Amino acid sequence: MPATKIFEDDDEFPEGDRWEALAWDVPESDKFPEGLKYSSQYLGPVDEEILRYDNANDAHGVGRHHRHYRGEVEGIEFEGLRSHLQKFLDEVETIHEQEIA
């Protein structure tokens, strides 16, 4: 079974910072035990990566589900796509208000 895109959304703030989120239904495997592959990223006005949530791999040694913030990486809990995306968007809004707006 090939990967099937199940979610895609993005938005841009007037200041030029923007976020995008993608998720795919993939075959369950050791690599993707939930049968889900996702990536959500928040970029600053000049396209610098500020924040990213993803489960692409565990190359950082912090677990498959992890959060990148300004070059630092930490493992995070995954409780489902909807709550994970809401957590990401809440964090985007906070960072935007505190650092960009």
PDB file of N, CA and C in Angstrom:
ATOM      1  N   MET A   1       0.841  -1.179   0.000  1.00  0.00           N
ATOM      2  CA  MET A   1       0.000   0.000   0.000  1.00  0.00           C
ATOM      3  C   MET A   1       0.889   1.246   0.000  1.00  0.00           C
ATOM      4  N   PRO A   2       0.708   2.123  -0.948  1.00  0.00           N
ATOM      5  CA  PRO A   2       1.511   3.352  -0.983  1.00  0.00           C
ATOM      6  C   PRO A   2       1.030   4.347   0.075  1.00  0.00           C
ATOM      7  N   ALA A   3       1.849   5.331   0.351  1.00  0.00           N
ATOM      8  CA  ALA A   3       1.470   6.392   1.284  1.00  0.00           C
ATOM      9  C   ALA A   3       0.334   7.212   0.682  1.00  0.00           C
ATOM     10  N   THR A   4      -0.618   7.585   1.541  1.00  0.00           N
ATOM     11  CA  THR A   4      -1.753   8.403   1.130  1.00  0.00           C
ATOM     12  C   THR A   4      -1.786   9.655   1.983  1.00  0.00           C
ATOM     13  N   LYS A   5      -1.775  10.807   1.341  1.00  0.00           N
ATOM     14  CA  LYS A   5      -1.821  12.059   2.094  1.00  0.00           C
ATOM     15  C   LYS A   5      -3.190  12.175   2.751  1.00  0.00           C
ATOM     16  N   ILE A   6      -3.193  12.398   4.075  1.00  0.00           N
ATOM     17  CA  ILE A   6      -4.456  12.512   4.798  1.00  0.00           C
ATOM     18  C   ILE A   6      -4.671  13.910   5.370  1.00  0.00           C
ATOM     19  N   PHE A   7      -3.631  14.723   5.359  1.00  0.00           N
ATOM     20  CA  PHE A   7      -3.783  16.085   5.880  1.00  0.00           C
ATOM     21  C   PHE A   7      -2.729  16.982   5.254  1.00  0.00           C
ATOM     22  N   GLU A   8      -3.147  18.184   4.885  1.00  0.00           N
ATOM     23  CA  GLU A   8      -2.209  19.201   4.414  1.00  0.00           C
ATOM     24  C   GLU A   8      -2.840  20.561   4.682  1.00  0.00           C
ATOM     25  N   ASP A   9      -2.090  21.432   5.331  1.00  0.00           N
ATOM     26  CA  ASP A   9      -2.577  22.787   5.593  1.00  0.00           C
ATOM     27  C   ASP A   9      -1.377  23.692   5.798  1.00  0.00           C
ATOM     28  N   ASP A  10      -1.594  24.989   5.603  1.00  0.00           N
ATOM     29  CA  ASP A  10      -0.542  25.967   5.831  1.00  0.00           C
ATOM     30  C   ASP A  10      -1.187  27.330   6.017  1.00  0.00           C
ATOM     31  N   ASP A  11      -0.418  28.263   6.539  1.00  0.00           N
ATOM     32  CA  ASP A  11      -0.892  29.633   6.697  1.00  0.00           C
ATOM     33  C   ASP A  11       0.320  30.540   6.829  1.00  0.00           C
ATOM     34  N   GLU A  12       0.116  31.818   6.535  1.00  0.00           N
ATOM     35  CA  GLU A  12       1.194  32.804   6.630  1.00  0.00           C
ATOM     36  C   GLU A  12       0.682  34.007   7.413  1.00  0.00           C
ATOM     37  N   PHE A  13       1.529  34.507   8.312  1.00  0.00           N
ATOM     38  CA  PHE A  13       1.216  35.708   9.071  1.00  0.00           C
ATOM     39  C   PHE A  13       1.598  36.931   8.235  1.00  0.00           C
ATOM     40  N   PRO A  14       1.005  38.090   8.511  1.00  0.00           N
ATOM     41  CA  PRO A  14       1.335  39.309   7.765  1.00  0.00           C
ATOM     42  C   PRO A  14       2.824  39.674   7.823  1.00  0.00           C
ATOM     43  N   GLU A  15       3.512  39.269   8.877  1.00  0.00           N
ATOM     44  CA  GLU A  15       4.935  39.579   9.024  1.00  0.00           C
ATOM     45  C   GLU A  15       5.827  38.695   8.158  1.00  0.00           C
ATOM     46  N   GLY A  16       5.239  37.679   7.507  1.00  0.00           N
ATOM     47  CA  GLY A  16       6.004  36.823   6.608  1.00  0.00           C
ATOM     48  C   GLY A  16       6.370  35.472   7.177  1.00  0.00           C
ATOM     49  N   ASP A  17       6.216  35.254   8.482  1.00  0.00           N
ATOM     50  CA  ASP A  17       6.450  33.926   9.034  1.00  0.00           C
ATOM     51  C   ASP A  17       5.265  33.042   8.654  1.00  0.00           C
ATOM     52  N   ARG A  18       5.528  31.734   8.537  1.00  0.00           N
ATOM     53  CA  ARG A  18       4.490  30.835   8.054  1.00  0.00           C
ATOM     54  C   ARG A  18       4.675  29.437   8.614  1.00  0.00           C
ATOM     55  N   TRP A  19       3.609  28.668   8.577  1.00  0.00           N
ATOM     56  CA  TRP A  19       3.681  27.271   9.001  1.00  0.00           C
ATOM     57  C   TRP A  19       3.051  26.395   7.924  1.00  0.00           C
ATOM     58  N   GLU A  20       3.452  25.128   7.949  1.00  0.00           N
ATOM     59  CA  GLU A  20       2.871  24.135   7.057  1.00  0.00           C
ATOM     60  C   GLU A  20       2.871  22.790   7.786  1.00  0.00           C
ATOM     61  N   ALA A  21       1.871  21.983   7.477  1.00  0.00           N
ATOM     62  CA  ALA A  21       1.750  20.677   8.127  1.00  0.00           C
ATOM     63  C   ALA A  21       1.268  19.654   7.106  1.00  0.00           C
ATOM     64  N   LEU A  22       1.867  18.487   7.145  1.00  0.00           N
ATOM     65  CA  LEU A  22       1.529  17.375   6.261  1.00  0.00           C
ATOM     66  C   LEU A  22       1.469  16.086   7.066  1.00  0.00           C
ATOM     67  N   ALA A  23       0.575  15.190   6.671  1.00  0.00           N
ATOM     68  CA  ALA A  23       0.521  13.862   7.295  1.00  0.00           C
ATOM     69  C   ALA A  23       0.103  12.847   6.244  1.00  0.00           C
ATOM     70  N   TRP A  24       0.669  11.651   6.336  1.00  0.00           N
ATOM     71  CA  TRP A  24       0.380  10.565   5.401  1.00  0.00           C
ATOM     72  C   TRP A  24       0.004   9.310   6.175  1.00  0.00           C
ATOM     73  N   ASP A  25      -0.939   8.584   5.637  1.00  0.00           N
ATOM     74  CA  ASP A  25      -1.255   7.242   6.097  1.00  0.00           C
ATOM     75  C   ASP A  25      -0.258   6.330   5.391  1.00  0.00           C
ATOM     76  N   VAL A  26       0.537   5.593   6.163  1.00  0.00           N
ATOM     77  CA  VAL A  26       1.555   4.699   5.597  1.00  0.00           C
ATOM     78  C   VAL A  26       1.350   3.297   6.187  1.00  0.00           C
ATOM     79  N   PRO A  27       1.895   2.280   5.554  1.00  0.00           N
ATOM     80  CA  PRO A  27       1.783   0.940   6.141  1.00  0.00           C
ATOM     81  C   PRO A  27       2.431   0.891   7.521  1.00  0.00           C
ATOM     82  N   GLU A  28       1.772   0.234   8.465  1.00  0.00           N
ATOM     83  CA  GLU A  28       2.373   0.064   9.788  1.00  0.00           C
ATOM     84  C   GLU A  28       3.658  -0.737   9.644  1.00  0.00           C
ATOM     85  N   SER A  29       4.681  -0.304  10.384  1.00  0.00           N
ATOM     86  CA  SER A  29       5.988  -0.954  10.322  1.00  0.00           C
ATOM     87  C   SER A  29       6.754  -0.591  11.588  1.00  0.00           C
ATOM     88  N   ASP A  30       7.950  -1.143  11.732  1.00  0.00           N
ATOM     89  CA  ASP A  30       8.798  -0.752  12.859  1.00  0.00           C
ATOM     90  C   ASP A  30       9.110   0.734  12.795  1.00  0.00           C
ATOM     91  N   LYS A  31       9.248   1.239  11.579  1.00  0.00           N
ATOM     92  CA  LYS A  31       9.577   2.642  11.372  1.00  0.00           C
ATOM     93  C   LYS A  31       8.383   3.555  11.699  1.00  0.00           C
ATOM     94  N   PHE A  32       7.192   3.121  11.359  1.00  0.00           N
ATOM     95  CA  PHE A  32       5.969   3.908  11.593  1.00  0.00           C
ATOM     96  C   PHE A  32       4.903   3.012  12.224  1.00  0.00           C
ATOM     97  N   PRO A  33       5.046   2.691  13.520  1.00  0.00           N
ATOM     98  CA  PRO A  33       4.125   1.749  14.163  1.00  0.00           C
ATOM     99  C   PRO A  33       2.674   2.225  14.204  1.00  0.00           C
ATOM    100  N   GLU A  34       2.439   3.530  14.155  1.00  0.00           N
ATOM    101  CA  GLU A  34       1.075   4.056  14.144  1.00  0.00           C
ATOM    102  C   GLU A  34       0.475   4.079  12.736  1.00  0.00           C
ATOM    103  N   GLY A  35       1.285   3.754  11.724  1.00  0.00           N
ATOM    104  CA  GLY A  35       0.817   3.842  10.345  1.00  0.00           C
ATOM    105  C   GLY A  35       0.649   5.281   9.903  1.00  0.00           C
ATOM    106  N   LEU A  36       1.455   6.167  10.467  1.00  0.00           N
ATOM    107  CA  LEU A  36       1.340   7.599  10.228  1.00  0.00           C
ATOM    108  C   LEU A  36       2.726   8.218  10.098  1.00  0.00           C
ATOM    109  N   LYS A  37       2.894   9.052   9.098  1.00  0.00           N
ATOM    110  CA  LYS A  37       4.114   9.837   8.929  1.00  0.00           C
ATOM    111  C   LYS A  37       3.681  11.297   8.862  1.00  0.00           C
ATOM    112  N   TYR A  38       4.352  12.172   9.625  1.00  0.00           N
ATOM    113  CA  TYR A  38       3.934  13.571   9.651  1.00  0.00           C
ATOM    114  C   TYR A  38       5.132  14.506   9.788  1.00  0.00           C
ATOM    115  N   SER A  39       4.902  15.741   9.400  1.00  0.00           N
ATOM    116  CA  SER A  39       5.883  16.807   9.572  1.00  0.00           C
ATOM    117  C   SER A  39       5.132  18.129   9.608  1.00  0.00           C
ATOM    118  N   SER A  40       5.412  18.917  10.618  1.00  0.00           N
ATOM    119  CA  SER A  40       4.843  20.258  10.744  1.00  0.00           C
ATOM    120  C   SER A  40       6.000  21.194  11.007  1.00  0.00           C
ATOM    121  N   GLN A  41       6.079  22.283  10.255  1.00  0.00           N
ATOM    122  CA  GLN A  41       7.188  23.205  10.480  1.00  0.00           C
ATOM    123  C   GLN A  41       6.715  24.646  10.458  1.00  0.00           C
ATOM    124  N   TYR A  42       7.430  25.452  11.230  1.00  0.00           N
ATOM    125  CA  TYR A  42       7.167  26.884  11.336  1.00  0.00           C
ATOM    126  C   TYR A  42       8.442  27.594  10.912  1.00  0.00           C
ATOM    127  N   LEU A  43       8.306  28.464   9.913  1.00  0.00           N
ATOM    128  CA  LEU A  43       9.448  29.168   9.341  1.00  0.00           C
ATOM    129  C   LEU A  43       9.311  30.662   9.574  1.00  0.00           C
ATOM    130  N   GLY A  44      10.443  31.315   9.843  1.00  0.00           N
ATOM    131  CA  GLY A  44      10.452  32.757  10.037  1.00  0.00           C
ATOM    132  C   GLY A  44      10.336  33.505   8.726  1.00  0.00           C
ATOM    133  N   PRO A  45      10.279  34.835   8.800  1.00  0.00           N
ATOM    134  CA  PRO A  45      10.092  35.667   7.604  1.00  0.00           C
ATOM    135  C   PRO A  45      11.133  35.454   6.501  1.00  0.00           C
ATOM    136  N   VAL A  46      12.333  35.018   6.851  1.00  0.00           N
ATOM    137  CA  VAL A  46      13.351  34.760   5.820  1.00  0.00           C
ATOM    138  C   VAL A  46      13.594  33.252   5.668  1.00  0.00           C
ATOM    139  N   ASP A  47      12.539  32.461   5.918  1.00  0.00           N
ATOM    140  CA  ASP A  47      12.528  31.007   5.760  1.00  0.00           C
ATOM    141  C   ASP A  47      13.469  30.250   6.686  1.00  0.00           C
ATOM    142  N   GLU A  48      13.885  30.858   7.801  1.00  0.00           N
ATOM    143  CA  GLU A  48      14.678  30.088   8.758  1.00  0.00           C
ATOM    144  C   GLU A  48      13.743  29.191   9.563  1.00  0.00           C
ATOM    145  N   GLU A  49      14.191  27.946   9.793  1.00  0.00           N
ATOM    146  CA  GLU A  49      13.365  27.023  10.556  1.00  0.00           C
ATOM    147  C   GLU A  49      13.378  27.428  12.021  1.00  0.00           C
ATOM    148  N   ILE A  50      12.209  27.646  12.570  1.00  0.00           N
ATOM    149  CA  ILE A  50      12.072  27.975  13.983  1.00  0.00           C
ATOM    150  C   ILE A  50      11.635  26.751  14.764  1.00  0.00           C
ATOM    151  N   LEU A  51      10.621  26.052  14.259  1.00  0.00           N
ATOM    152  CA  LEU A  51      10.016  24.933  14.982  1.00  0.00           C
ATOM    153  C   LEU A  51       9.625  23.855  13.992  1.00  0.00           C
ATOM    154  N   ARG A  52       9.816  22.589  14.387  1.00  0.00           N
ATOM    155  CA  ARG A  52       9.344  21.470  13.564  1.00  0.00           C
ATOM    156  C   ARG A  52       8.990  20.310  14.477  1.00  0.00           C
ATOM    157  N   TYR A  53       7.874  19.675  14.206  1.00  0.00           N
ATOM    158  CA  TYR A  53       7.492  18.410  14.823  1.00  0.00           C
ATOM    159  C   TYR A  53       7.531  17.377  13.699  1.00  0.00           C
ATOM    160  N   ASP A  54       8.134  16.214  13.955  1.00  0.00           N
ATOM    161  CA  ASP A  54       8.098  15.162  12.940  1.00  0.00           C
ATOM    162  C   ASP A  54       8.404  13.806  13.547  1.00  0.00           C
ATOM    163  N   ASN A  55       8.173  12.784  12.755  1.00  0.00           N
ATOM    164  CA  ASN A  55       8.521  11.416  13.145  1.00  0.00           C
ATOM    165  C   ASN A  55       9.291  10.730  12.027  1.00  0.00           C
ATOM    166  N   ALA A  56      10.097  11.509  11.307  1.00  0.00           N
ATOM    167  CA  ALA A  56      10.817  10.989  10.140  1.00  0.00           C
ATOM    168  C   ALA A  56      11.812   9.897  10.509  1.00  0.00           C
ATOM    169  N   ASN A  57      12.520  10.062  11.605  1.00  0.00           N
ATOM    170  CA  ASN A  57      13.475   9.050  12.051  1.00  0.00           C
ATOM    171  C   ASN A  57      13.910   9.368  13.474  1.00  0.00           C
ATOM    172  N   ASP A  58      14.703   8.500  14.057  1.00  0.00           N
ATOM    173  CA  ASP A  58      15.227   8.740  15.401  1.00  0.00           C
ATOM    174  C   ASP A  58      16.731   8.975  15.338  1.00  0.00           C
ATOM    175  N   ALA A  59      17.180   9.705  14.327  1.00  0.00           N
ATOM    176  CA  ALA A  59      18.609   9.960  14.171  1.00  0.00           C
ATOM    177  C   ALA A  59      19.181  10.777  15.324  1.00  0.00           C
ATOM    178  N   HIS A  60      18.317  11.447  16.080  1.00  0.00           N
ATOM    179  CA  HIS A  60      18.778  12.315  17.168  1.00  0.00           C
ATOM    180  C   HIS A  60      18.847  11.579  18.498  1.00  0.00           C
ATOM    181  N   GLY A  61      18.362  10.332  18.538  1.00  0.00           N
ATOM    182  CA  GLY A  61      18.410   9.543  19.760  1.00  0.00           C
ATOM    183  C   GLY A  61      17.422   9.993  20.825  1.00  0.00           C
ATOM    184  N   VAL A  62      16.343  10.670  20.429  1.00  0.00           N
ATOM    185  CA  VAL A  62      15.359  11.157  21.400  1.00  0.00           C
ATOM    186  C   VAL A  62      13.987  10.514  21.195  1.00  0.00           C
ATOM    187  N   GLY A  63      13.896   9.569  20.301  1.00  0.00           N
ATOM    188  CA  GLY A  63      12.626   8.914  20.012  1.00  0.00           C
ATOM    189  C   GLY A  63      12.089   9.348  18.655  1.00  0.00           C
ATOM    190  N   ARG A  64      11.238   8.507  18.119  1.00  0.00           N
ATOM    191  CA  ARG A  64      10.695   8.784  16.789  1.00  0.00           C
ATOM    192  C   ARG A  64       9.928  10.097  16.744  1.00  0.00           C
ATOM    193  N   HIS A  65       9.064  10.361  17.726  1.00  0.00           N
ATOM    194  CA  HIS A  65       8.304  11.610  17.763  1.00  0.00           C
ATOM    195  C   HIS A  65       9.170  12.662  18.458  1.00  0.00           C
ATOM    196  N   HIS A  66       9.484  13.722  17.722  1.00  0.00           N
ATOM    197  CA  HIS A  66      10.367  14.717  18.306  1.00  0.00           C
ATOM    198  C   HIS A  66      10.067  16.126  17.805  1.00  0.00           C
ATOM    199  N   ARG A  67      10.625  17.071  18.531  1.00  0.00           N
ATOM    200  CA  ARG A  67      10.402  18.500  18.310  1.00  0.00           C
ATOM    201  C   ARG A  67      11.750  19.175  18.120  1.00  0.00           C
ATOM    202  N   HIS A  68      11.874  19.937  17.045  1.00  0.00           N
ATOM    203  CA  HIS A  68      13.061  20.750  16.790  1.00  0.00           C
ATOM    204  C   HIS A  68      12.691  22.196  17.106  1.00  0.00           C
ATOM    205  N   TYR A  69      13.494  22.867  17.904  1.00  0.00           N
ATOM    206  CA  TYR A  69      13.263  24.281  18.170  1.00  0.00           C
ATOM    207  C   TYR A  69      14.602  24.998  18.139  1.00  0.00           C
ATOM    208  N   ARG A  70      14.778  25.827  17.124  1.00  0.00           N
ATOM    209  CA  ARG A  70      16.003  26.625  16.961  1.00  0.00           C
ATOM    210  C   ARG A  70      17.275  25.795  17.171  1.00  0.00           C
ATOM    211  N   GLY A  71      17.312  24.647  16.499  1.00  0.00           N
ATOM    212  CA  GLY A  71      18.512  23.813  16.510  1.00  0.00           C
ATOM    213  C   GLY A  71      18.566  22.762  17.604  1.00  0.00           C
ATOM    214  N   GLU A  72      17.709  22.826  18.593  1.00  0.00           N
ATOM    215  CA  GLU A  72      17.659  21.829  19.658  1.00  0.00           C
ATOM    216  C   GLU A  72      16.584  20.794  19.327  1.00  0.00           C
ATOM    217  N   VAL A  73      16.812  19.544  19.718  1.00  0.00           N
ATOM    218  CA  VAL A  73      15.863  18.472  19.436  1.00  0.00           C
ATOM    219  C   VAL A  73      15.533  17.751  20.736  1.00  0.00           C
ATOM    220  N   GLU A  74      14.237  17.503  20.953  1.00  0.00           N
ATOM    221  CA  GLU A  74      13.811  16.749  22.131  1.00  0.00           C
ATOM    222  C   GLU A  74      12.666  15.821  21.758  1.00  0.00           C
ATOM    223  N   GLY A  75      12.578  14.689  22.454  1.00  0.00           N
ATOM    224  CA  GLY A  75      11.479  13.770  22.250  1.00  0.00           C
ATOM    225  C   GLY A  75      10.191  14.361  22.806  1.00  0.00           C
ATOM    226  N   ILE A  76       9.064  14.028  22.168  1.00  0.00           N
ATOM    227  CA  ILE A  76       7.765  14.498  22.647  1.00  0.00           C
ATOM    228  C   ILE A  76       6.768  13.348  22.613  1.00  0.00           C
ATOM    229  N   GLU A  77       5.739  13.455  23.434  1.00  0.00           N
ATOM    230  CA  GLU A  77       4.678  12.451  23.464  1.00  0.00           C
ATOM    231  C   GLU A  77       3.780  12.613  22.244  1.00  0.00           C
ATOM    232  N   PHE A  78       3.319  11.504  21.720  1.00  0.00           N
ATOM    233  CA  PHE A  78       2.381  11.529  20.604  1.00  0.00           C
ATOM    234  C   PHE A  78       1.084  10.908  21.075  1.00  0.00           C
ATOM    235  N   GLU A  79      -0.012  11.696  21.057  1.00  0.00           N
ATOM    236  CA  GLU A  79      -1.316  11.225  21.525  1.00  0.00           C
ATOM    237  C   GLU A  79      -2.351  11.268  20.408  1.00  0.00           C
ATOM    238  N   GLY A  80      -1.903  11.252  19.179  1.00  0.00           N
ATOM    239  CA  GLY A  80      -2.810  11.303  18.037  1.00  0.00           C
ATOM    240  C   GLY A  80      -2.549  12.554  17.213  1.00  0.00           C
ATOM    241  N   LEU A  81      -2.878  12.466  15.935  1.00  0.00           N
ATOM    242  CA  LEU A  81      -2.562  13.543  15.007  1.00  0.00           C
ATOM    243  C   LEU A  81      -3.265  14.847  15.370  1.00  0.00           C
ATOM    244  N   ARG A  82      -4.549  14.785  15.689  1.00  0.00           N
ATOM    245  CA  ARG A  82      -5.303  16.001  15.982  1.00  0.00           C
ATOM    246  C   ARG A  82      -4.713  16.765  17.176  1.00  0.00           C
ATOM    247  N   SER A  83      -4.461  16.088  18.276  1.00  0.00           N
ATOM    248  CA  SER A  83      -3.914  16.776  19.449  1.00  0.00           C
ATOM    249  C   SER A  83      -2.478  17.228  19.205  1.00  0.00           C
ATOM    250  N   HIS A  84      -1.742  16.457  18.442  1.00  0.00           N
ATOM    251  CA  HIS A  84      -0.358  16.813  18.125  1.00  0.00           C
ATOM    252  C   HIS A  84      -0.314  18.095  17.283  1.00  0.00           C
ATOM    253  N   LEU A  85      -1.182  18.159  16.288  1.00  0.00           N
ATOM    254  CA  LEU A  85      -1.246  19.347  15.447  1.00  0.00           C
ATOM    255  C   LEU A  85      -1.708  20.562  16.253  1.00  0.00           C
ATOM    256  N   GLN A  86      -2.665  20.374  17.151  1.00  0.00           N
ATOM    257  CA  GLN A  86      -3.124  21.496  17.976  1.00  0.00           C
ATOM    258  C   GLN A  86      -2.007  22.009  18.876  1.00  0.00           C
ATOM    259  N   LYS A  87      -1.225  21.089  19.437  1.00  0.00           N
ATOM    260  CA  LYS A  87      -0.090  21.478  20.275  1.00  0.00           C
ATOM    261  C   LYS A  87       0.918  22.292  19.455  1.00  0.00           C
ATOM    262  N   PHE A  88       1.198  21.830  18.226  1.00  0.00           N
ATOM    263  CA  PHE A  88       2.108  22.539  17.337  1.00  0.00           C
ATOM    264  C   PHE A  88       1.579  23.943  17.033  1.00  0.00           C
ATOM    265  N   LEU A  89       0.300  24.053  16.648  1.00  0.00           N
ATOM    266  CA  LEU A  89      -0.268  25.353  16.293  1.00  0.00           C
ATOM    267  C   LEU A  89      -0.325  26.303  17.490  1.00  0.00           C
ATOM    268  N   ASP A  90      -0.588  25.783  18.674  1.00  0.00           N
ATOM    269  CA  ASP A  90      -0.557  26.622  19.881  1.00  0.00           C
ATOM    270  C   ASP A  90       0.846  27.172  20.103  1.00  0.00           C
ATOM    271  N   GLU A  91       1.843  26.333  19.891  1.00  0.00           N
ATOM    272  CA  GLU A  91       3.223  26.766  20.065  1.00  0.00           C
ATOM    273  C   GLU A  91       3.613  27.787  18.991  1.00  0.00           C
ATOM    274  N   VAL A  92       3.175  27.588  17.753  1.00  0.00           N
ATOM    275  CA  VAL A  92       3.424  28.557  16.686  1.00  0.00           C
ATOM    276  C   VAL A  92       2.856  29.913  17.077  1.00  0.00           C
ATOM    277  N   GLU A  93       1.619  29.934  17.550  1.00  0.00           N
ATOM    278  CA  GLU A  93       0.969  31.186  17.930  1.00  0.00           C
ATOM    279  C   GLU A  93       1.745  31.888  19.043  1.00  0.00           C
ATOM    280  N   THR A  94       2.186  31.137  20.033  1.00  0.00           N
ATOM    281  CA  THR A  94       2.955  31.718  21.142  1.00  0.00           C
ATOM    282  C   THR A  94       4.275  32.298  20.645  1.00  0.00           C
ATOM    283  N   ILE A  95       5.003  31.543  19.849  1.00  0.00           N
ATOM    284  CA  ILE A  95       6.290  32.023  19.324  1.00  0.00           C
ATOM    285  C   ILE A  95       6.067  33.244  18.460  1.00  0.00           C
ATOM    286  N   HIS A  96       5.049  33.213  17.607  1.00  0.00           N
ATOM    287  CA  HIS A  96       4.763  34.360  16.744  1.00  0.00           C
ATOM    288  C   HIS A  96       4.522  35.609  17.594  1.00  0.00           C
ATOM    289  N   GLU A  97       3.676  35.502  18.602  1.00  0.00           N
ATOM    290  CA  GLU A  97       3.342  36.658  19.435  1.00  0.00           C
ATOM    291  C   GLU A  97       4.552  37.167  20.223  1.00  0.00           C
ATOM    292  N   GLN A  98       5.388  36.254  20.722  1.00  0.00           N
ATOM    293  CA  GLN A  98       6.523  36.645  21.563  1.00  0.00           C
ATOM    294  C   GLN A  98       7.754  37.076  20.793  1.00  0.00           C
ATOM    295  N   GLU A  99       7.938  36.552  19.580  1.00  0.00           N
ATOM    296  CA  GLU A  99       9.200  36.777  18.889  1.00  0.00           C
ATOM    297  C   GLU A  99       9.083  37.539  17.559  1.00  0.00           C
ATOM    298  N   ILE A 100       7.919  37.495  16.923  1.00  0.00           N
ATOM    299  CA  ILE A 100       7.815  38.041  15.571  1.00  0.00           C
ATOM    300  C   ILE A 100       6.923  39.282  15.508  1.00  0.00           C
ATOM    301  N   ALA A 101       5.733  39.174  16.055  1.00  0.00           N
ATOM    302  CA  ALA A 101       4.710  40.243  15.930  1.00  0.00           C
ATOM    303  C   ALA A 101       5.145  41.534  16.633  1.00  0.00           C
TER     304      ALA A 101
END
